[in-house]
Amino acid sequence: MRSTFDFAPLFRSTIGFDRMLDTLESASRVTSIDTWPPYDIVRTSEDDYRISMAVAGLTEADLTITQEQNMLLVAGQKSEQDEASGQYLHRGIAARAFRRRFELADHVKVVSANLVNGLLTIDLKREIPEEMKPRRIAIAAGEGLLKAGNQQIEVEKLAA
């Protein structure tokens, strides 16, 4: 039995979390989980992440990695000329095509991708723009506001 979550109460008290709530809702609707190729997601530091995928038998030319806004798409397709190289008596290494999607948070960018010994490694980094980082707000002294308020009262008395 699958229960769905009602995020309506959160919309009353949050601002700007629409995309995150939509992502949670769409993740709860996923019906089938594809486990091939196997992969790991590791947080290597506070703002760095690494995706490792086991893609045995595929070369750099067989793989495509695409980032579009907040989506990372990794696809693999074995080239047809490798398929025609002989008759298989047993096939234990999967050679099927795949498409794996990863939802990325805002400001997460792909830094690099490497394929070594059948392991595709994609390094990601969250780079928050300077204008979005926390900053300290200066608080004006209360005396400056009182003087300005007193001057305004004086001006209103003279005008009357």
Protein backbone atom coordinates (compact mmCIF):
# COMPACT_ATOMS: atom_id res chain seq x y z
CA MET A 1 0.00 0.00 0.00
CA ARG A 2 1.43 3.32 -1.05
CA SER A 3 0.44 6.49 0.72
CA THR A 4 0.82 9.90 -0.85
CA PHE A 5 1.81 12.96 1.07
CA ASP A 6 -0.25 16.14 1.05
CA PHE A 7 2.15 19.07 0.80
CA ALA A 8 -0.62 21.71 0.85
CA PRO A 9 0.04 22.73 4.50
CA LEU A 10 3.68 23.41 3.63
CA PHE A 11 2.68 25.85 0.89
CA ARG A 12 1.01 28.04 3.55
CA SER A 13 4.20 28.54 5.54
CA THR A 14 7.03 28.29 2.99
CA ILE A 15 8.16 30.54 0.20
CA GLY A 16 10.25 29.42 -2.77
CA PHE A 17 10.17 25.70 -2.03
CA ASP A 18 7.73 24.90 -4.85
CA ARG A 19 10.35 23.11 -6.95
CA MET A 20 11.56 20.99 -4.04
CA LEU A 21 8.01 19.95 -3.11
CA ASP A 22 7.25 19.12 -6.75
CA THR A 23 10.41 16.98 -6.87
CA LEU A 24 9.36 15.10 -3.73
CA GLU A 25 5.91 14.53 -5.16
CA SER A 26 7.26 13.24 -8.49
CA ALA A 27 9.73 10.95 -6.68
CA SER A 28 6.85 9.37 -4.79
CA ARG A 29 5.16 8.56 -8.12
CA VAL A 30 8.09 6.48 -9.46
CA THR A 31 6.73 3.02 -10.14
CA SER A 32 9.67 0.99 -11.38
CA ILE A 33 13.22 1.14 -10.13
CA ASP A 34 15.85 0.30 -12.72
CA THR A 35 18.99 -1.04 -11.07
CA TRP A 36 21.25 -1.16 -14.13
CA PRO A 37 23.91 0.07 -14.33
CA PRO A 38 24.74 -0.02 -10.63
CA TYR A 39 25.92 3.31 -9.21
CA ASP A 40 27.01 5.05 -6.01
CA ILE A 41 26.51 8.65 -4.96
CA VAL A 42 29.07 9.92 -2.46
CA ARG A 43 29.34 13.28 -0.72
CA THR A 44 33.09 13.92 -0.69
CA SER A 45 32.95 17.28 1.13
CA GLU A 46 30.40 19.91 2.09
CA ASP A 47 29.91 21.10 -1.51
CA ASP A 48 31.40 18.22 -3.54
CA TYR A 49 29.72 15.03 -4.75
CA ARG A 50 30.75 12.05 -6.84
CA ILE A 51 28.64 9.63 -8.89
CA SER A 52 30.34 6.32 -9.75
CA MET A 53 28.70 4.01 -12.30
CA ALA A 54 29.82 0.51 -13.27
CA VAL A 55 29.67 0.52 -17.09
CA ALA A 56 31.77 -2.53 -17.97
CA GLY A 57 32.33 -3.03 -21.68
CA LEU A 58 31.48 0.57 -22.67
CA THR A 59 33.97 3.12 -23.98
CA GLU A 60 33.98 6.90 -23.86
CA ALA A 61 32.41 6.92 -27.35
CA ASP A 62 29.51 4.76 -26.09
CA LEU A 63 28.60 7.16 -23.25
CA THR A 64 26.99 10.60 -23.25
CA ILE A 65 26.65 12.89 -20.26
CA THR A 66 24.31 15.88 -20.53
CA GLN A 67 23.40 18.52 -17.96
CA GLU A 68 20.29 20.61 -18.53
CA GLN A 69 19.43 23.05 -15.74
CA ASN A 70 18.77 20.80 -12.73
CA MET A 71 18.92 17.45 -14.53
CA LEU A 72 21.94 15.25 -15.24
CA LEU A 73 21.40 12.58 -17.88
CA VAL A 74 23.87 9.73 -18.36
CA ALA A 75 23.19 7.48 -21.35
CA GLY A 76 25.04 4.51 -22.78
CA GLN A 77 24.68 2.61 -26.04
CA LYS A 78 27.07 -0.13 -27.14
CA SER A 79 28.32 0.50 -30.67
CA GLU A 80 26.97 -1.92 -33.29
CA GLN A 81 30.38 -2.83 -34.73
CA ASP A 82 31.38 -4.35 -31.35
CA GLU A 83 28.22 -6.47 -31.45
CA ALA A 84 29.17 -8.00 -34.81
CA SER A 85 32.62 -9.18 -33.68
CA GLY A 86 31.56 -12.77 -32.94
CA GLN A 87 28.94 -15.21 -31.74
CA TYR A 88 28.37 -15.26 -27.99
CA LEU A 89 28.10 -18.63 -26.28
CA HIS A 90 27.43 -16.97 -22.94
CA ARG A 91 26.74 -13.29 -22.30
CA GLY A 92 27.25 -12.24 -18.69
CA ILE A 93 28.26 -8.62 -19.26
CA ALA A 94 25.16 -6.57 -19.95
CA ALA A 95 25.37 -4.63 -23.19
CA ARG A 96 21.92 -3.05 -23.13
CA ALA A 97 21.37 0.64 -23.61
CA PHE A 98 20.56 2.73 -20.56
CA ARG A 99 19.46 6.23 -19.57
CA ARG A 100 19.95 7.31 -15.98
CA ARG A 101 18.57 10.64 -14.73
CA PHE A 102 19.76 12.49 -11.64
CA GLU A 103 17.90 15.48 -10.22
CA LEU A 104 20.42 18.15 -9.23
CA ALA A 105 19.91 20.87 -6.65
CA ASP A 106 20.24 24.50 -7.67
CA HIS A 107 23.82 25.61 -8.42
CA VAL A 108 25.22 22.05 -8.72
CA LYS A 109 27.51 21.76 -11.73
CA VAL A 110 29.45 18.89 -13.31
CA VAL A 111 33.17 19.44 -12.75
CA SER A 112 34.62 16.39 -14.53
CA ALA A 113 33.88 12.91 -15.83
CA ASN A 114 36.36 10.01 -16.14
CA LEU A 115 36.12 6.43 -17.36
CA VAL A 116 38.76 4.12 -15.88
CA ASN A 117 38.61 0.31 -15.80
CA GLY A 118 34.86 0.20 -16.53
CA LEU A 119 33.99 2.72 -13.80
CA LEU A 120 32.50 6.06 -14.88
CA THR A 121 33.15 8.74 -12.27
CA ILE A 122 31.33 12.09 -12.43
CA ASP A 123 32.43 14.82 -10.03
CA LEU A 124 29.92 17.52 -9.10
CA LYS A 125 30.27 20.75 -7.14
CA ARG A 126 27.72 23.07 -5.60
CA GLU A 127 28.79 26.64 -6.37
CA ILE A 128 26.56 29.20 -4.69
CA PRO A 129 26.83 32.64 -6.33
CA GLU A 130 28.35 35.34 -4.14
CA GLU A 131 25.11 37.35 -4.10
CA MET A 132 23.22 34.35 -2.69
CA LYS A 133 25.63 33.58 0.15
CA PRO A 134 24.63 34.73 3.65
CA ARG A 135 25.65 38.28 4.41
CA ARG A 136 25.53 40.42 7.52
CA ILE A 137 23.10 43.33 7.47
CA ALA A 138 24.22 46.51 9.23
CA ILE A 139 21.76 47.92 11.76
CA ALA A 140 21.45 51.70 11.88
CA ALA A 141 21.61 53.39 15.28
CA GLY A 142 18.24 54.45 16.68
CA GLU A 143 19.36 58.08 17.26
CA GLY A 144 19.58 58.80 13.54
CA LEU A 145 15.94 57.84 13.11
CA LEU A 146 14.82 59.98 16.06
CA LYS A 147 16.58 63.07 14.70
CA ALA A 148 15.04 62.58 11.28
CA GLY A 149 11.63 62.07 12.90
CA ASN A 150 11.99 65.25 15.01
CA GLN A 151 12.97 67.29 11.95
CA GLN A 152 9.90 66.07 10.11
CA ILE A 153 7.67 67.10 13.03
CA GLU A 154 9.31 70.57 13.06
CA VAL A 155 8.72 70.96 9.32
CA GLU A 156 5.07 69.98 9.73
CA LYS A 157 4.65 72.60 12.53
CA LEU A 158 6.14 75.35 10.35
CA ALA A 159 3.91 74.40 7.42
CA ALA A 160 0.76 74.65 9.56
